[in-house]
Amino acid sequence: GIVGLPNVGKSTLFNALTSSQAAQSANYPFCTIEPN
């Protein structure tokens, strides 16, 4: 599981790891409600 405080780059890292082309998350806490 990839964890961290908000806005540390978790989703950016996850998208890169999985070669995801999804749009980057907005710059605010709790942007990912369900785990990807």
PDB file of all heavy atoms in Angstrom:
ATOM      1  N   GLY A   1       0.829  -1.194   0.000  1.00  0.00           N
ATOM      2  CA  GLY A   1       0.000   0.000   0.000  1.00  0.00           C
ATOM      3  C   GLY A   1       0.865   1.247   0.000  1.00  0.00           C
ATOM      4  O   GLY A   1       1.803   1.361   0.784  1.00  0.00           O
ATOM      5  N   ILE A   2       0.555   2.185  -0.889  1.00  0.00           N
ATOM      6  CA  ILE A   2       1.280   3.454  -0.954  1.00  0.00           C
ATOM      7  C   ILE A   2       0.552   4.453  -0.069  1.00  0.00           C
ATOM      8  O   ILE A   2      -0.612   4.777  -0.310  1.00  0.00           O
ATOM      9  CB  ILE A   2       1.354   3.980  -2.402  1.00  0.00           C
ATOM     10  CG1 ILE A   2       2.031   2.946  -3.307  1.00  0.00           C
ATOM     11  CG2 ILE A   2       2.099   5.299  -2.458  1.00  0.00           C
ATOM     12  CD1 ILE A   2       2.077   3.348  -4.775  1.00  0.00           C
ATOM     13  N   VAL A   3       1.234   4.920   0.981  1.00  0.00           N
ATOM     14  CA  VAL A   3       0.620   5.846   1.929  1.00  0.00           C
ATOM     15  C   VAL A   3       1.458   7.116   2.038  1.00  0.00           C
ATOM     16  O   VAL A   3       2.583   7.189   1.558  1.00  0.00           O
ATOM     17  CB  VAL A   3       0.457   5.202   3.328  1.00  0.00           C
ATOM     18  CG1 VAL A   3      -0.275   3.873   3.240  1.00  0.00           C
ATOM     19  CG2 VAL A   3       1.814   5.008   4.002  1.00  0.00           C
ATOM     20  N   GLY A   4       0.894   8.101   2.715  1.00  0.00           N
ATOM     21  CA  GLY A   4       1.607   9.353   2.931  1.00  0.00           C
ATOM     22  C   GLY A   4       0.629  10.453   3.285  1.00  0.00           C
ATOM     23  O   GLY A   4      -0.588  10.284   3.176  1.00  0.00           O
ATOM     24  N   LEU A   5       1.156  11.584   3.706  1.00  0.00           N
ATOM     25  CA  LEU A   5       0.324  12.752   3.939  1.00  0.00           C
ATOM     26  C   LEU A   5      -0.225  13.247   2.606  1.00  0.00           C
ATOM     27  O   LEU A   5       0.293  12.889   1.547  1.00  0.00           O
ATOM     28  CB  LEU A   5       1.145  13.858   4.607  1.00  0.00           C
ATOM     29  CG  LEU A   5       1.685  13.572   6.015  1.00  0.00           C
ATOM     30  CD1 LEU A   5       2.551  14.730   6.487  1.00  0.00           C
ATOM     31  CD2 LEU A   5       0.550  13.328   6.997  1.00  0.00           C
ATOM     32  N   PRO A   6      -1.247  14.086   2.618  1.00  0.00           N
ATOM     33  CA  PRO A   6      -1.731  14.661   1.365  1.00  0.00           C
ATOM     34  C   PRO A   6      -0.636  15.484   0.681  1.00  0.00           C
ATOM     35  O   PRO A   6       0.221  16.076   1.336  1.00  0.00           O
ATOM     36  CB  PRO A   6      -2.886  15.564   1.822  1.00  0.00           C
ATOM     37  CG  PRO A   6      -3.327  14.998   3.130  1.00  0.00           C
ATOM     38  CD  PRO A   6      -2.073  14.487   3.769  1.00  0.00           C
ATOM     39  N   ASN A   7      -0.680  15.515  -0.637  1.00  0.00           N
ATOM     40  CA  ASN A   7       0.194  16.366  -1.449  1.00  0.00           C
ATOM     41  C   ASN A   7       1.685  16.027  -1.351  1.00  0.00           C
ATOM     42  O   ASN A   7       2.534  16.904  -1.455  1.00  0.00           O
ATOM     43  CB  ASN A   7       0.003  17.847  -1.092  1.00  0.00           C
ATOM     44  CG  ASN A   7      -1.402  18.330  -1.387  1.00  0.00           C
ATOM     45  OD1 ASN A   7      -2.097  17.751  -2.222  1.00  0.00           O
ATOM     46  ND2 ASN A   7      -1.835  19.367  -0.695  1.00  0.00           N
ATOM     47  N   VAL A   8       1.994  14.746  -1.151  1.00  0.00           N
ATOM     48  CA  VAL A   8       3.413  14.348  -1.148  1.00  0.00           C
ATOM     49  C   VAL A   8       3.803  13.668  -2.456  1.00  0.00           C
ATOM     50  O   VAL A   8       4.965  13.357  -2.675  1.00  0.00           O
ATOM     51  CB  VAL A   8       3.742  13.403   0.044  1.00  0.00           C
ATOM     52  CG1 VAL A   8       3.513  14.109   1.367  1.00  0.00           C
ATOM     53  CG2 VAL A   8       2.932  12.111  -0.040  1.00  0.00           C
ATOM     54  N   GLY A   9       2.827  13.423  -3.338  1.00  0.00           N
ATOM     55  CA  GLY A   9       3.127  12.822  -4.639  1.00  0.00           C
ATOM     56  C   GLY A   9       2.739  11.367  -4.768  1.00  0.00           C
ATOM     57  O   GLY A   9       3.192  10.679  -5.682  1.00  0.00           O
ATOM     58  N   LYS A  10       1.864  10.880  -3.871  1.00  0.00           N
ATOM     59  CA  LYS A  10       1.489   9.463  -3.907  1.00  0.00           C
ATOM     60  C   LYS A  10       0.837   9.059  -5.229  1.00  0.00           C
ATOM     61  O   LYS A  10       1.207   8.073  -5.844  1.00  0.00           O
ATOM     62  CB  LYS A  10       0.522   9.122  -2.774  1.00  0.00           C
ATOM     63  CG  LYS A  10       1.101   9.175  -1.388  1.00  0.00           C
ATOM     64  CD  LYS A  10       0.127   8.669  -0.353  1.00  0.00           C
ATOM     65  CE  LYS A  10      -1.141   9.484  -0.296  1.00  0.00           C
ATOM     66  NZ  LYS A  10      -2.144   9.194  -1.322  1.00  0.00           N
ATOM     67  N   SER A  11      -0.179   9.830  -5.622  1.00  0.00           N
ATOM     68  CA  SER A  11      -0.916   9.462  -6.833  1.00  0.00           C
ATOM     69  C   SER A  11      -0.064   9.631  -8.083  1.00  0.00           C
ATOM     70  O   SER A  11      -0.167   8.842  -9.029  1.00  0.00           O
ATOM     71  CB  SER A  11      -2.204  10.288  -6.943  1.00  0.00           C
ATOM     72  OG  SER A  11      -3.084   9.949  -5.891  1.00  0.00           O
ATOM     73  N   THR A  12       0.797  10.656  -8.082  1.00  0.00           N
ATOM     74  CA  THR A  12       1.724  10.828  -9.204  1.00  0.00           C
ATOM     75  C   THR A  12       2.635   9.616  -9.315  1.00  0.00           C
ATOM     76  O   THR A  12       2.865   9.081 -10.403  1.00  0.00           O
ATOM     77  CB  THR A  12       2.578  12.101  -9.016  1.00  0.00           C
ATOM     78  OG1 THR A  12       1.714  13.229  -8.920  1.00  0.00           O
ATOM     79  CG2 THR A  12       3.535  12.300 -10.189  1.00  0.00           C
ATOM     80  N   LEU A  13       3.133   9.156  -8.173  1.00  0.00           N
ATOM     81  CA  LEU A  13       4.001   7.978  -8.144  1.00  0.00           C
ATOM     82  C   LEU A  13       3.240   6.741  -8.597  1.00  0.00           C
ATOM     83  O   LEU A  13       3.740   5.955  -9.412  1.00  0.00           O
ATOM     84  CB  LEU A  13       4.549   7.774  -6.733  1.00  0.00           C
ATOM     85  CG  LEU A  13       5.439   6.548  -6.531  1.00  0.00           C
ATOM     86  CD1 LEU A  13       6.754   6.725  -7.279  1.00  0.00           C
ATOM     87  CD2 LEU A  13       5.704   6.304  -5.049  1.00  0.00           C
ATOM     88  N   PHE A  14       2.031   6.556  -8.088  1.00  0.00           N
ATOM     89  CA  PHE A  14       1.226   5.393  -8.461  1.00  0.00           C
ATOM     90  C   PHE A  14       0.956   5.385  -9.962  1.00  0.00           C
ATOM     91  O   PHE A  14       1.082   4.358 -10.631  1.00  0.00           O
ATOM     92  CB  PHE A  14      -0.089   5.412  -7.683  1.00  0.00           C
ATOM     93  CG  PHE A  14      -1.032   4.303  -8.061  1.00  0.00           C
ATOM     94  CD1 PHE A  14      -0.890   3.040  -7.514  1.00  0.00           C
ATOM     95  CD2 PHE A  14      -2.060   4.531  -8.974  1.00  0.00           C
ATOM     96  CE1 PHE A  14      -1.760   2.022  -7.867  1.00  0.00           C
ATOM     97  CE2 PHE A  14      -2.930   3.515  -9.328  1.00  0.00           C
ATOM     98  CZ  PHE A  14      -2.780   2.256  -8.772  1.00  0.00           C
ATOM     99  N   ASN A  15       0.576   6.534 -10.501  1.00  0.00           N
ATOM    100  CA  ASN A  15       0.288   6.617 -11.933  1.00  0.00           C
ATOM    101  C   ASN A  15       1.519   6.293 -12.765  1.00  0.00           C
ATOM    102  O   ASN A  15       1.431   5.634 -13.802  1.00  0.00           O
ATOM    103  CB  ASN A  15      -0.243   8.010 -12.293  1.00  0.00           C
ATOM    104  CG  ASN A  15      -1.633   8.254 -11.743  1.00  0.00           C
ATOM    105  OD1 ASN A  15      -2.372   7.308 -11.461  1.00  0.00           O
ATOM    106  ND2 ASN A  15      -1.991   9.510 -11.570  1.00  0.00           N
ATOM    107  N   ALA A  16       2.674   6.759 -12.304  1.00  0.00           N
ATOM    108  CA  ALA A  16       3.912   6.465 -13.025  1.00  0.00           C
ATOM    109  C   ALA A  16       4.243   4.982 -12.945  1.00  0.00           C
ATOM    110  O   ALA A  16       4.616   4.347 -13.934  1.00  0.00           O
ATOM    111  CB  ALA A  16       5.058   7.296 -12.460  1.00  0.00           C
ATOM    112  N   LEU A  17       4.092   4.399 -11.761  1.00  0.00           N
ATOM    113  CA  LEU A  17       4.390   2.981 -11.566  1.00  0.00           C
ATOM    114  C   LEU A  17       3.521   2.099 -12.444  1.00  0.00           C
ATOM    115  O   LEU A  17       3.970   1.093 -12.983  1.00  0.00           O
ATOM    116  CB  LEU A  17       4.189   2.592 -10.102  1.00  0.00           C
ATOM    117  CG  LEU A  17       5.359   2.840  -9.151  1.00  0.00           C
ATOM    118  CD1 LEU A  17       4.896   2.780  -7.707  1.00  0.00           C
ATOM    119  CD2 LEU A  17       6.483   1.841  -9.390  1.00  0.00           C
ATOM    120  N   THR A  18       2.287   2.456 -12.581  1.00  0.00           N
ATOM    121  CA  THR A  18       1.359   1.638 -13.358  1.00  0.00           C
ATOM    122  C   THR A  18       1.208   2.152 -14.787  1.00  0.00           C
ATOM    123  O   THR A  18       0.328   1.693 -15.524  1.00  0.00           O
ATOM    124  CB  THR A  18      -0.018   1.603 -12.671  1.00  0.00           C
ATOM    125  OG1 THR A  18      -0.492   2.945 -12.501  1.00  0.00           O
ATOM    126  CG2 THR A  18       0.071   0.936 -11.320  1.00  0.00           C
ATOM    127  N   SER A  19       2.077   3.103 -15.170  1.00  0.00           N
ATOM    128  CA  SER A  19       2.033   3.726 -16.508  1.00  0.00           C
ATOM    129  C   SER A  19       0.649   4.272 -16.817  1.00  0.00           C
ATOM    130  O   SER A  19       0.172   4.210 -17.951  1.00  0.00           O
ATOM    131  CB  SER A  19       2.459   2.711 -17.583  1.00  0.00           C
ATOM    132  OG  SER A  19       3.788   2.321 -17.397  1.00  0.00           O
ATOM    133  N   SER A  20      -0.001   4.772 -15.779  1.00  0.00           N
ATOM    134  CA  SER A  20      -1.341   5.323 -15.947  1.00  0.00           C
ATOM    135  C   SER A  20      -1.285   6.663 -16.660  1.00  0.00           C
ATOM    136  O   SER A  20      -0.379   7.454 -16.446  1.00  0.00           O
ATOM    137  CB  SER A  20      -2.006   5.499 -14.574  1.00  0.00           C
ATOM    138  OG  SER A  20      -3.217   6.204 -14.689  1.00  0.00           O
ATOM    139  N   GLN A  21      -2.262   6.917 -17.521  1.00  0.00           N
ATOM    140  CA  GLN A  21      -2.356   8.199 -18.214  1.00  0.00           C
ATOM    141  C   GLN A  21      -3.447   9.075 -17.589  1.00  0.00           C
ATOM    142  O   GLN A  21      -3.858  10.075 -18.173  1.00  0.00           O
ATOM    143  CB  GLN A  21      -2.679   7.975 -19.700  1.00  0.00           C
ATOM    144  CG  GLN A  21      -1.683   7.081 -20.406  1.00  0.00           C
ATOM    145  CD  GLN A  21      -0.273   7.614 -20.321  1.00  0.00           C
ATOM    146  OE1 GLN A  21      -0.023   8.771 -20.624  1.00  0.00           O
ATOM    147  NE2 GLN A  21       0.661   6.774 -19.890  1.00  0.00           N
ATOM    148  N   ALA A  22      -3.885   8.670 -16.393  1.00  0.00           N
ATOM    149  CA  ALA A  22      -4.963   9.421 -15.751  1.00  0.00           C
ATOM    150  C   ALA A  22      -4.511  10.835 -15.425  1.00  0.00           C
ATOM    151  O   ALA A  22      -3.328  11.091 -15.191  1.00  0.00           O
ATOM    152  CB  ALA A  22      -5.387   8.703 -14.465  1.00  0.00           C
ATOM    153  N   ALA A  23      -5.435  11.737 -15.402  1.00  0.00           N
ATOM    154  CA  ALA A  23      -5.118  13.128 -15.068  1.00  0.00           C
ATOM    155  C   ALA A  23      -4.601  13.217 -13.643  1.00  0.00           C
ATOM    156  O   ALA A  23      -4.992  12.440 -12.774  1.00  0.00           O
ATOM    157  CB  ALA A  23      -6.378  13.979 -15.217  1.00  0.00           C
ATOM    158  N   GLN A  24      -3.716  14.167 -13.409  1.00  0.00           N
ATOM    159  CA  GLN A  24      -3.152  14.344 -12.083  1.00  0.00           C
ATOM    160  C   GLN A  24      -4.237  14.831 -11.122  1.00  0.00           C
ATOM    161  O   GLN A  24      -5.147  15.575 -11.499  1.00  0.00           O
ATOM    162  CB  GLN A  24      -2.016  15.372 -12.133  1.00  0.00           C
ATOM    163  CG  GLN A  24      -0.827  14.920 -12.971  1.00  0.00           C
ATOM    164  CD  GLN A  24      -0.226  13.624 -12.437  1.00  0.00           C
ATOM    165  OE1 GLN A  24       0.074  13.534 -11.257  1.00  0.00           O
ATOM    166  NE2 GLN A  24      -0.070  12.641 -13.295  1.00  0.00           N
ATOM    167  N   SER A  25      -4.111  14.421  -9.874  1.00  0.00           N
ATOM    168  CA  SER A  25      -5.102  14.794  -8.875  1.00  0.00           C
ATOM    169  C   SER A  25      -4.992  16.283  -8.532  1.00  0.00           C
ATOM    170  O   SER A  25      -3.931  16.883  -8.672  1.00  0.00           O
ATOM    171  CB  SER A  25      -4.888  13.968  -7.599  1.00  0.00           C
ATOM    172  OG  SER A  25      -5.002  12.603  -7.874  1.00  0.00           O
ATOM    173  N   ALA A  26      -6.078  16.837  -8.068  1.00  0.00           N
ATOM    174  CA  ALA A  26      -6.073  18.243  -7.656  1.00  0.00           C
ATOM    175  C   ALA A  26      -5.223  18.420  -6.408  1.00  0.00           C
ATOM    176  O   ALA A  26      -4.998  17.485  -5.645  1.00  0.00           O
ATOM    177  CB  ALA A  26      -7.506  18.685  -7.384  1.00  0.00           C
ATOM    178  N   ASN A  27      -4.766  19.632  -6.196  1.00  0.00           N
ATOM    179  CA  ASN A  27      -3.837  19.926  -5.100  1.00  0.00           C
ATOM    180  C   ASN A  27      -4.603  20.220  -3.810  1.00  0.00           C
ATOM    181  O   ASN A  27      -4.674  21.352  -3.352  1.00  0.00           O
ATOM    182  CB  ASN A  27      -2.961  21.117  -5.509  1.00  0.00           C
ATOM    183  CG  ASN A  27      -1.968  21.471  -4.413  1.00  0.00           C
ATOM    184  OD1 ASN A  27      -1.618  20.628  -3.600  1.00  0.00           O
ATOM    185  ND2 ASN A  27      -1.541  22.720  -4.388  1.00  0.00           N
ATOM    186  N   TYR A  28      -5.242  19.165  -3.260  1.00  0.00           N
ATOM    187  CA  TYR A  28      -5.899  19.321  -1.974  1.00  0.00           C
ATOM    188  C   TYR A  28      -6.038  17.945  -1.328  1.00  0.00           C
ATOM    189  O   TYR A  28      -5.997  16.925  -2.016  1.00  0.00           O
ATOM    190  CB  TYR A  28      -7.279  19.988  -2.114  1.00  0.00           C
ATOM    191  CG  TYR A  28      -8.242  19.280  -3.041  1.00  0.00           C
ATOM    192  CD1 TYR A  28      -9.060  18.257  -2.575  1.00  0.00           C
ATOM    193  CD2 TYR A  28      -8.326  19.641  -4.383  1.00  0.00           C
ATOM    194  CE1 TYR A  28      -9.943  17.609  -3.414  1.00  0.00           C
ATOM    195  CE2 TYR A  28      -9.219  18.989  -5.236  1.00  0.00           C
ATOM    196  CZ  TYR A  28     -10.018  17.975  -4.741  1.00  0.00           C
ATOM    197  OH  TYR A  28     -10.887  17.338  -5.583  1.00  0.00           O
ATOM    198  N   PRO A  29      -6.177  17.876   0.018  1.00  0.00           N
ATOM    199  CA  PRO A  29      -6.254  16.589   0.708  1.00  0.00           C
ATOM    200  C   PRO A  29      -7.475  15.776   0.301  1.00  0.00           C
ATOM    201  O   PRO A  29      -8.476  16.317  -0.165  1.00  0.00           O
ATOM    202  CB  PRO A  29      -6.332  16.989   2.187  1.00  0.00           C
ATOM    203  CG  PRO A  29      -5.768  18.365   2.240  1.00  0.00           C
ATOM    204  CD  PRO A  29      -6.145  19.007   0.936  1.00  0.00           C
ATOM    205  N   PHE A  30      -7.373  14.448   0.502  1.00  0.00           N
ATOM    206  CA  PHE A  30      -8.466  13.500   0.311  1.00  0.00           C
ATOM    207  C   PHE A  30      -8.944  13.420  -1.131  1.00  0.00           C
ATOM    208  O   PHE A  30     -10.112  13.174  -1.399  1.00  0.00           O
ATOM    209  CB  PHE A  30      -9.656  13.832   1.234  1.00  0.00           C
ATOM    210  CG  PHE A  30      -9.245  14.290   2.585  1.00  0.00           C
ATOM    211  CD1 PHE A  30      -9.697  15.491   3.102  1.00  0.00           C
ATOM    212  CD2 PHE A  30      -8.362  13.544   3.345  1.00  0.00           C
ATOM    213  CE1 PHE A  30      -9.299  15.921   4.352  1.00  0.00           C
ATOM    214  CE2 PHE A  30      -7.957  13.966   4.602  1.00  0.00           C
ATOM    215  CZ  PHE A  30      -8.427  15.155   5.100  1.00  0.00           C
ATOM    216  N   CYS A  31      -8.034  13.649  -2.078  1.00  0.00           N
ATOM    217  CA  CYS A  31      -8.434  13.620  -3.480  1.00  0.00           C
ATOM    218  C   CYS A  31      -8.710  12.197  -3.956  1.00  0.00           C
ATOM    219  O   CYS A  31      -9.392  12.001  -4.944  1.00  0.00           O
ATOM    220  CB  CYS A  31      -7.374  14.287  -4.362  1.00  0.00           C
ATOM    221  SG  CYS A  31      -5.733  13.618  -4.131  1.00  0.00           S
ATOM    222  N   THR A  32      -8.174  11.204  -3.248  1.00  0.00           N
ATOM    223  CA  THR A  32      -8.420   9.806  -3.617  1.00  0.00           C
ATOM    224  C   THR A  32      -9.292   9.192  -2.530  1.00  0.00           C
ATOM    225  O   THR A  32      -8.820   8.924  -1.445  1.00  0.00           O
ATOM    226  CB  THR A  32      -7.090   9.033  -3.731  1.00  0.00           C
ATOM    227  OG1 THR A  32      -6.189   9.781  -4.522  1.00  0.00           O
ATOM    228  CG2 THR A  32      -7.312   7.675  -4.328  1.00  0.00           C
ATOM    229  N   ILE A  33     -10.555   8.969  -2.829  1.00  0.00           N
ATOM    230  CA  ILE A  33     -11.474   8.482  -1.797  1.00  0.00           C
ATOM    231  C   ILE A  33     -11.409   6.959  -1.668  1.00  0.00           C
ATOM    232  O   ILE A  33     -11.347   6.419  -0.578  1.00  0.00           O
ATOM    233  CB  ILE A  33     -12.914   8.931  -2.107  1.00  0.00           C
ATOM    234  CG1 ILE A  33     -12.965  10.466  -2.153  1.00  0.00           C
ATOM    235  CG2 ILE A  33     -13.881   8.408  -1.051  1.00  0.00           C
ATOM    236  CD1 ILE A  33     -12.476  11.153  -0.887  1.00  0.00           C
ATOM    237  N   GLU A  34     -11.400   6.268  -2.787  1.00  0.00           N
ATOM    238  CA  GLU A  34     -11.242   4.817  -2.776  1.00  0.00           C
ATOM    239  C   GLU A  34      -9.835   4.472  -3.246  1.00  0.00           C
ATOM    240  O   GLU A  34      -9.266   5.164  -4.100  1.00  0.00           O
ATOM    241  CB  GLU A  34     -12.267   4.154  -3.705  1.00  0.00           C
ATOM    242  CG  GLU A  34     -13.713   4.350  -3.273  1.00  0.00           C
ATOM    243  CD  GLU A  34     -14.025   3.657  -1.961  1.00  0.00           C
ATOM    244  OE1 GLU A  34     -13.312   2.708  -1.600  1.00  0.00           O
ATOM    245  OE2 GLU A  34     -15.002   4.065  -1.300  1.00  0.00           O
ATOM    246  N   PRO A  35      -9.237   3.413  -2.699  1.00  0.00           N
ATOM    247  CA  PRO A  35      -7.877   3.084  -3.126  1.00  0.00           C
ATOM    248  C   PRO A  35      -7.849   2.603  -4.572  1.00  0.00           C
ATOM    249  O   PRO A  35      -8.707   1.844  -4.994  1.00  0.00           O
ATOM    250  CB  PRO A  35      -7.462   1.954  -2.176  1.00  0.00           C
ATOM    251  CG  PRO A  35      -8.757   1.339  -1.745  1.00  0.00           C
ATOM    252  CD  PRO A  35      -9.749   2.458  -1.699  1.00  0.00           C
ATOM    253  N   ASN A  36      -6.881   3.085  -5.327  1.00  0.00           N
ATOM    254  CA  ASN A  36      -6.666   2.591  -6.683  1.00  0.00           C
ATOM    255  C   ASN A  36      -5.716   1.408  -6.610  1.00  0.00           C
ATOM    256  O   ASN A  36      -4.804   1.383  -5.778  1.00  0.00           O
ATOM    257  CB  ASN A  36      -6.068   3.694  -7.556  1.00  0.00           C
ATOM    258  CG  ASN A  36      -7.048   4.826  -7.784  1.00  0.00           C
ATOM    259  OD1 ASN A  36      -8.179   4.592  -8.178  1.00  0.00           O
ATOM    260  ND2 ASN A  36      -6.628   6.041  -7.508  1.00  0.00           N
TER     261      ASN A  36
END
